[in-house]
Amino acid sequence: MRRRVQGLEIFLLLCSFCHSIQSNYTSLFSFGDSYTDTGNIVIISGQAAPNLLLTKPPYGMTFFGHPTGRISDGRLAIDFIAQALGLPLLPPSQAANQSFLQGANFAVAGGTALNRTFFQENGDQIFTPYNVSLGDQLGWFDAMKPSLCNSTQVRSHTPRVVGMISAATEKLIKEGGKTVVVSGLTPMGCATGNLVLFGSQNEVDYEPDTGCLKDLNSLSRDHNLQLRRALMQLNGRYPGVRVIYADLYTPIVNFVLTPECYGFNGTDGALRCCCGSGGGRYNFNATVSCGSPGTSACGDPSAYVNWDGIHLTEAANHHIADGWLKGPYAHPPILSRV
């Protein structure tokens, strides 16, 4: 039987004005396996593994006095590093109702550098349903990043993001592309997951007509405006090439404003996700993804815009694709002769 390679541990320190090695670090993010996991494996396995030994004494006996999800009698190396830097012990990234502004731990016991498919294709039989690769952990980090900085900070990166998209588009043109379709951002303030994660008690934070979050939608509009201008410049530089801006913002806002016009449920279909376990207004739980035990899908996905809190249903995607192919959501439409 093959043995998995250990030493997956990676950590990222973010700092402001790091003139002193020991001070001024503002946050710490950790990735890895059982040597670094501070509780993710327990959260992920959940009720599927009620007899998980590391949830029982004597784990945690030396420092915490009770099991914490760490596979040790107490603190891990990453805990001592956090303490030495004056930072709190890292909460597991899959924990609910946690602030991750000063850091998070994405490590999962049994984590691997390569993804699950690699080991399956090579006949490795030692995997459990909970093995999480480094790529998976980095994906969690990407999903968390919007919550770690405010919209002003994110907006400052928009020109760089748009520049990268423009450069990639130009590269495809130079390699022979005659029609390049580039989509903008969705109205991020209308995404069900964002409405839950960044929800506010202040009505002024919401758009009165859509019920979506103002700041996130403003960020999307700013990105899309800059992107559309950049694509227009490319169109001017390459006669005979069509660079098409595909609008993802307008159709979704239209779905929210007049859901019945597109066949969606006027009560729940616009902002509530179809597949989830959160119940309530939005049916979204950030720690229990669609497909996990305890989740279920709505009876008629075609009546919903949002599938899982982030992504769209087939019905919504179909409307958008038609709008890109024939108009009015692409400039010019893909099937136009312009």
Protein backbone atom coordinates (compact mmCIF):
# COMPACT_ATOMS: atom_id res chain seq x y z
CA MET A 1 0.00 0.00 0.00
CA ARG A 2 1.30 3.43 -0.88
CA ARG A 3 1.95 5.89 1.92
CA ARG A 4 0.85 9.47 1.53
CA VAL A 5 3.61 12.04 1.62
CA GLN A 6 3.57 14.10 4.81
CA GLY A 7 4.69 17.71 5.12
CA LEU A 8 1.71 19.38 3.50
CA GLU A 9 1.72 22.21 6.03
CA ILE A 10 1.73 25.71 4.56
CA PHE A 11 0.95 28.95 6.29
CA LEU A 12 0.49 32.47 5.04
CA LEU A 13 1.22 35.54 7.13
CA LEU A 14 -0.37 38.83 6.18
CA CYS A 15 1.06 41.96 7.70
CA SER A 16 0.99 45.72 7.73
CA PHE A 17 4.31 47.58 8.02
CA CYS A 18 6.31 44.46 8.93
CA HIS A 19 9.48 46.20 10.08
CA SER A 20 9.67 43.96 13.12
CA ILE A 21 9.78 40.22 12.56
CA GLN A 22 7.81 39.48 15.70
CA SER A 23 5.17 42.19 15.51
CA ASN A 24 2.70 43.82 13.15
CA TYR A 25 1.35 40.61 11.62
CA THR A 26 -2.36 41.13 11.31
CA SER A 27 -3.50 37.67 10.28
CA LEU A 28 -2.39 34.08 9.77
CA PHE A 29 -3.83 31.46 7.41
CA SER A 30 -2.87 27.82 7.60
CA PHE A 31 -3.20 24.93 5.13
CA GLY A 32 -2.28 21.30 5.62
CA ASP A 33 -3.24 17.94 7.10
CA SER A 34 -3.61 16.35 10.53
CA TYR A 35 -0.46 18.02 11.86
CA THR A 36 -2.18 21.40 11.46
CA ASP A 37 -5.93 20.71 11.53
CA THR A 38 -7.58 22.56 14.43
CA GLY A 39 -11.02 21.02 13.93
CA ASN A 40 -12.07 20.96 10.29
CA ILE A 41 -12.15 17.16 10.08
CA VAL A 42 -14.62 17.01 12.96
CA ILE A 43 -16.89 19.59 11.33
CA ILE A 44 -16.70 17.99 7.89
CA SER A 45 -17.33 14.44 9.12
CA GLY A 46 -20.09 15.66 11.43
CA GLN A 47 -22.86 13.21 12.19
CA ALA A 48 -21.47 10.76 9.65
CA ALA A 49 -18.72 9.82 12.10
CA PRO A 50 -20.22 9.97 15.62
CA ASN A 51 -17.48 7.72 17.02
CA LEU A 52 -14.56 9.77 15.77
CA LEU A 53 -11.95 9.08 18.44
CA LEU A 54 -10.34 12.50 18.38
CA THR A 55 -13.58 13.99 19.70
CA LYS A 56 -13.14 12.05 22.94
CA PRO A 57 -10.70 12.23 25.89
CA PRO A 58 -7.76 12.08 26.33
CA TYR A 59 -7.38 14.39 23.29
CA GLY A 60 -6.77 17.97 24.46
CA MET A 61 -6.03 16.96 28.03
CA THR A 62 -2.76 18.92 28.47
CA PHE A 63 -3.76 22.44 27.42
CA PHE A 64 -7.44 22.78 26.60
CA GLY A 65 -8.78 20.26 29.09
CA HIS A 66 -11.13 18.79 26.48
CA PRO A 67 -11.01 17.60 22.85
CA THR A 68 -10.91 20.44 20.30
CA GLY A 69 -10.50 18.56 17.03
CA ARG A 70 -6.70 18.71 17.24
CA ILE A 71 -4.97 15.35 16.97
CA SER A 72 -2.81 15.91 20.02
CA ASP A 73 -3.01 16.19 23.78
CA GLY A 74 -2.88 19.96 23.40
CA ARG A 75 -1.60 22.68 21.08
CA LEU A 76 -0.16 22.17 17.61
CA ALA A 77 2.87 23.88 16.10
CA ILE A 78 0.61 26.34 14.32
CA ASP A 79 -0.95 27.28 17.68
CA PHE A 80 2.45 28.16 19.15
CA ILE A 81 3.29 30.20 16.05
CA ALA A 82 0.05 32.16 16.37
CA GLN A 83 0.68 32.83 20.05
CA ALA A 84 4.25 33.93 19.40
CA LEU A 85 2.98 36.47 16.87
CA GLY A 86 0.33 37.81 19.23
CA LEU A 87 -2.51 36.35 17.18
CA PRO A 88 -5.45 34.24 18.38
CA LEU A 89 -5.47 30.48 17.89
CA LEU A 90 -6.77 29.83 14.40
CA PRO A 91 -10.40 28.75 14.15
CA PRO A 92 -11.14 25.98 11.64
CA SER A 93 -12.31 27.54 8.40
CA GLN A 94 -15.43 25.37 8.28
CA ALA A 95 -16.69 26.62 11.66
CA ALA A 96 -19.92 28.59 11.75
CA ASN A 97 -20.34 32.01 13.36
CA GLN A 98 -16.62 32.74 13.46
CA SER A 99 -14.66 35.83 12.58
CA PHE A 100 -11.73 35.07 10.31
CA LEU A 101 -10.34 38.59 10.11
CA GLN A 102 -7.23 37.56 12.06
CA GLY A 103 -6.85 34.23 10.35
CA ALA A 104 -8.28 30.83 9.63
CA ASN A 105 -7.09 27.24 9.46
CA PHE A 106 -7.97 25.41 6.25
CA ALA A 107 -6.06 22.23 7.11
CA VAL A 108 -7.94 18.93 7.21
CA ALA A 109 -6.70 15.66 8.66
CA GLY A 110 -5.83 13.36 5.76
CA GLY A 111 -5.26 16.32 3.45
CA THR A 112 -3.01 15.80 0.44
CA ALA A 113 -1.10 18.01 -1.95
CA LEU A 114 -2.49 16.26 -5.04
CA ASN A 115 -6.21 15.88 -5.58
CA ARG A 116 -8.27 12.78 -4.94
CA THR A 117 -8.46 11.78 -8.61
CA PHE A 118 -4.70 11.26 -8.81
CA PHE A 119 -4.75 8.67 -6.03
CA GLN A 120 -7.83 6.90 -7.34
CA GLU A 121 -6.29 6.56 -10.79
CA ASN A 122 -3.20 5.05 -9.22
CA GLY A 123 -5.09 2.42 -7.26
CA ASP A 124 -4.77 3.94 -3.80
CA GLN A 125 -7.47 2.46 -1.55
CA ILE A 126 -6.74 4.33 1.68
CA PHE A 127 -9.04 7.27 1.04
CA THR A 128 -12.07 8.27 3.08
CA PRO A 129 -14.93 10.50 1.95
CA TYR A 130 -13.28 13.39 3.82
CA ASN A 131 -9.90 13.65 2.09
CA VAL A 132 -9.36 17.25 1.04
CA SER A 133 -6.54 18.32 -1.25
CA LEU A 134 -4.49 21.49 -1.06
CA GLY A 135 -6.41 22.69 -4.12
CA ASP A 136 -9.67 22.30 -2.20
CA GLN A 137 -8.25 24.27 0.71
CA LEU A 138 -7.07 27.06 -1.56
CA GLY A 139 -10.58 27.14 -3.04
CA TRP A 140 -11.99 27.69 0.45
CA PHE A 141 -9.50 30.50 0.94
CA ASP A 142 -10.60 32.14 -2.32
CA ALA A 143 -14.23 31.92 -1.22
CA MET A 144 -13.38 33.53 2.11
CA LYS A 145 -11.32 36.41 0.76
CA PRO A 146 -14.24 38.76 -0.01
CA SER A 147 -15.21 38.67 3.65
CA LEU A 148 -11.68 39.59 4.76
CA CYS A 149 -11.53 43.01 3.19
CA ASN A 150 -14.08 45.73 2.72
CA SER A 151 -15.44 46.84 -0.63
CA THR A 152 -13.10 49.87 -0.77
CA GLN A 153 -10.08 47.58 -0.49
CA VAL A 154 -11.44 45.22 -3.13
CA ARG A 155 -12.31 48.09 -5.47
CA SER A 156 -8.69 49.27 -5.43
CA HIS A 157 -7.71 46.01 -7.15
CA THR A 158 -10.30 46.34 -9.94
CA PRO A 159 -7.99 48.02 -12.51
CA ARG A 160 -5.42 45.27 -12.06
CA VAL A 161 -8.07 42.55 -12.43
CA VAL A 162 -9.54 44.19 -15.52
CA GLY A 163 -6.04 44.64 -16.95
CA MET A 164 -5.35 40.93 -16.56
CA ILE A 165 -8.62 39.99 -18.26
CA SER A 166 -7.89 42.41 -21.08
CA ALA A 167 -4.38 41.01 -21.53
CA ALA A 168 -5.72 37.45 -21.68
CA THR A 169 -8.31 38.51 -24.25
CA GLU A 170 -5.64 40.19 -26.37
CA LYS A 171 -3.46 37.09 -26.23
CA LEU A 172 -6.33 34.98 -27.60
CA ILE A 173 -6.84 37.49 -30.42
CA LYS A 174 -3.15 37.38 -31.33
CA GLU A 175 -3.31 33.60 -31.43
CA GLY A 176 -6.04 33.70 -34.05
CA GLY A 177 -9.30 34.24 -32.19
CA LYS A 178 -11.91 36.01 -34.29
CA THR A 179 -14.70 36.19 -31.73
CA VAL A 180 -13.88 36.44 -28.03
CA VAL A 181 -16.71 36.57 -25.49
CA VAL A 182 -15.86 38.02 -22.07
CA SER A 183 -18.41 38.05 -19.28
CA GLY A 184 -18.70 40.64 -16.56
CA LEU A 185 -19.51 40.05 -12.90
CA THR A 186 -22.88 39.06 -11.49
CA PRO A 187 -24.59 41.46 -9.07
CA MET A 188 -22.68 40.07 -6.09
CA GLY A 189 -25.03 41.77 -3.66
CA CYS A 190 -27.88 39.60 -4.97
CA ALA A 191 -26.06 36.29 -4.45
CA THR A 192 -27.90 34.34 -1.77
CA GLY A 193 -24.70 33.37 0.02
CA ASN A 194 -23.55 36.98 0.22
CA LEU A 195 -26.92 38.10 1.51
CA VAL A 196 -26.45 35.69 4.42
CA LEU A 197 -22.72 36.14 5.03
CA PHE A 198 -22.75 39.94 4.77
CA GLY A 199 -26.29 40.57 5.94
CA SER A 200 -26.94 43.83 7.77
CA GLN A 201 -29.49 45.03 10.30
CA ASN A 202 -29.45 48.46 8.62
CA GLU A 203 -31.96 48.91 5.81
CA VAL A 204 -29.80 51.58 4.20
CA ASP A 205 -27.30 48.84 3.22
CA TYR A 206 -29.84 47.31 0.84
CA GLU A 207 -31.18 48.45 -2.51
CA PRO A 208 -34.86 49.30 -2.02
CA ASP A 209 -35.98 47.81 -5.33
CA THR A 210 -34.03 44.53 -5.39
CA GLY A 211 -33.34 43.85 -1.71
CA CYS A 212 -29.70 43.22 -2.66
CA LEU A 213 -26.64 44.57 -0.86
CA LYS A 214 -25.68 48.04 -2.16
CA ASP A 215 -21.91 47.95 -1.69
CA LEU A 216 -21.37 44.59 -3.36
CA ASN A 217 -23.56 45.52 -6.32
CA SER A 218 -21.71 48.81 -6.65
CA LEU A 219 -18.44 46.89 -6.75
CA SER A 220 -19.79 44.65 -9.51
CA ARG A 221 -20.97 47.64 -11.56
CA ASP A 222 -17.61 49.38 -11.22
CA HIS A 223 -15.75 46.26 -12.38
CA ASN A 224 -18.12 45.78 -15.30
CA LEU A 225 -17.84 49.40 -16.43
CA GLN A 226 -14.04 49.26 -16.45
CA LEU A 227 -14.07 45.90 -18.21
CA ARG A 228 -16.45 47.06 -20.92
CA ARG A 229 -14.27 50.12 -21.62
CA ALA A 230 -11.18 47.92 -21.87
CA LEU A 231 -12.90 45.57 -24.31
CA MET A 232 -14.05 48.49 -26.46
CA GLN A 233 -10.42 49.58 -26.74
CA LEU A 234 -9.44 46.10 -27.90
CA ASN A 235 -12.19 46.18 -30.52
CA GLY A 236 -10.74 49.41 -31.86
CA ARG A 237 -7.23 47.96 -32.11
CA TYR A 238 -8.17 44.78 -33.94
CA PRO A 239 -10.43 45.40 -36.95
CA GLY A 240 -12.14 42.22 -38.11
CA VAL A 241 -12.17 40.74 -34.62
CA ARG A 242 -15.29 40.75 -32.45
CA VAL A 243 -14.70 41.24 -28.73
CA ILE A 244 -18.09 40.75 -27.11
CA TYR A 245 -18.98 41.92 -23.62
CA ALA A 246 -21.40 39.40 -22.07
CA ASP A 247 -23.52 41.05 -19.39
CA LEU A 248 -24.09 38.88 -16.30
CA TYR A 249 -25.32 41.74 -14.13
CA THR A 250 -28.43 42.98 -15.94
CA PRO A 251 -30.20 39.64 -16.46
CA ILE A 252 -29.89 38.61 -12.82
CA VAL A 253 -31.16 41.99 -11.62
CA ASN A 254 -34.07 41.59 -14.04
CA PHE A 255 -34.81 38.14 -12.60
CA VAL A 256 -34.91 39.67 -9.11
CA LEU A 257 -37.09 42.63 -10.09
CA THR A 258 -39.67 40.73 -12.16
CA PRO A 259 -39.18 37.00 -11.54
CA GLU A 260 -42.59 36.03 -12.92
CA CYS A 261 -41.67 37.42 -16.33
CA TYR A 262 -39.01 34.74 -16.63
CA GLY A 263 -40.94 31.86 -15.12
CA PHE A 264 -39.45 32.12 -11.63
CA ASN A 265 -41.38 31.95 -8.38
CA GLY A 266 -42.27 35.48 -7.35
CA THR A 267 -42.15 34.70 -3.64
CA ASP A 268 -39.04 32.55 -3.21
CA GLY A 269 -37.47 32.12 -6.61
CA ALA A 270 -35.48 35.32 -6.93
CA LEU A 271 -33.13 35.34 -3.93
CA ARG A 272 -33.71 32.04 -2.08
CA CYS A 273 -31.43 29.18 -3.11
CA CYS A 274 -32.94 25.93 -4.35
CA CYS A 275 -30.43 23.52 -2.81
CA GLY A 276 -29.44 24.04 0.80
CA SER A 277 -30.18 23.38 4.44
CA GLY A 278 -30.33 26.79 6.04
CA GLY A 279 -34.08 27.30 6.00
CA GLY A 280 -35.22 30.81 6.73
CA ARG A 281 -35.55 33.44 4.07
CA TYR A 282 -32.60 32.33 1.94
CA ASN A 283 -32.18 28.59 2.73
CA PHE A 284 -28.40 29.01 2.88
CA ASN A 285 -25.89 27.64 5.38
CA ALA A 286 -22.27 28.52 4.63
CA THR A 287 -20.93 25.41 6.39
CA VAL A 288 -23.24 22.87 4.73
CA SER A 289 -22.91 22.86 0.95
CA CYS A 290 -25.50 21.54 -1.47
CA GLY A 291 -25.11 17.77 -1.69
CA SER A 292 -23.97 17.37 1.92
CA PRO A 293 -25.99 15.23 4.35
CA GLY A 294 -28.98 17.18 5.56
CA THR A 295 -29.35 19.29 2.41
CA SER A 296 -32.08 18.92 -0.18
CA ALA A 297 -33.10 20.52 -3.45
CA CYS A 298 -36.35 22.30 -4.10
CA GLY A 299 -39.02 20.40 -5.98
CA ASP A 300 -38.84 22.59 -9.09
CA PRO A 301 -35.39 24.14 -9.74
CA SER A 302 -36.76 25.90 -12.83
CA ALA A 303 -38.71 28.19 -10.50
CA TYR A 304 -35.48 29.43 -8.86
CA VAL A 305 -32.66 31.71 -9.99
CA ASN A 306 -30.05 30.59 -7.47
CA TRP A 307 -29.00 26.96 -7.16
CA ASP A 308 -26.71 26.68 -4.11
CA GLY A 309 -26.21 30.18 -2.74
CA ILE A 310 -23.55 31.11 -5.28
CA HIS A 311 -24.30 29.46 -8.62
CA LEU A 312 -27.32 29.67 -10.89
CA THR A 313 -29.95 27.11 -11.83
CA GLU A 314 -30.15 25.68 -15.34
CA ALA A 315 -33.23 27.81 -16.00
CA ALA A 316 -31.38 31.01 -15.12
CA ASN A 317 -28.35 29.96 -17.16
CA HIS A 318 -30.62 29.23 -20.13
CA HIS A 319 -32.14 32.72 -20.06
CA ILE A 320 -28.68 34.28 -19.83
CA ALA A 321 -27.25 32.17 -22.66
CA ASP A 322 -30.18 33.16 -24.91
CA GLY A 323 -29.53 36.79 -24.05
CA TRP A 324 -25.88 36.42 -25.00
CA LEU A 325 -26.63 34.60 -28.23
CA LYS A 326 -29.48 36.76 -29.49
CA GLY A 327 -29.51 39.84 -27.25
CA PRO A 328 -30.04 41.91 -25.26
CA TYR A 329 -27.37 40.76 -22.81
CA ALA A 330 -24.34 40.73 -25.14
CA HIS A 331 -22.83 43.65 -26.98
CA PRO A 332 -23.06 42.72 -29.81
CA PRO A 333 -25.04 39.45 -29.54
CA ILE A 334 -22.97 36.39 -30.43
CA LEU A 335 -25.27 35.39 -33.30
CA SER A 336 -25.45 38.88 -34.79
CA ARG A 337 -23.73 39.65 -38.09
CA VAL A 338 -22.32 42.94 -36.82
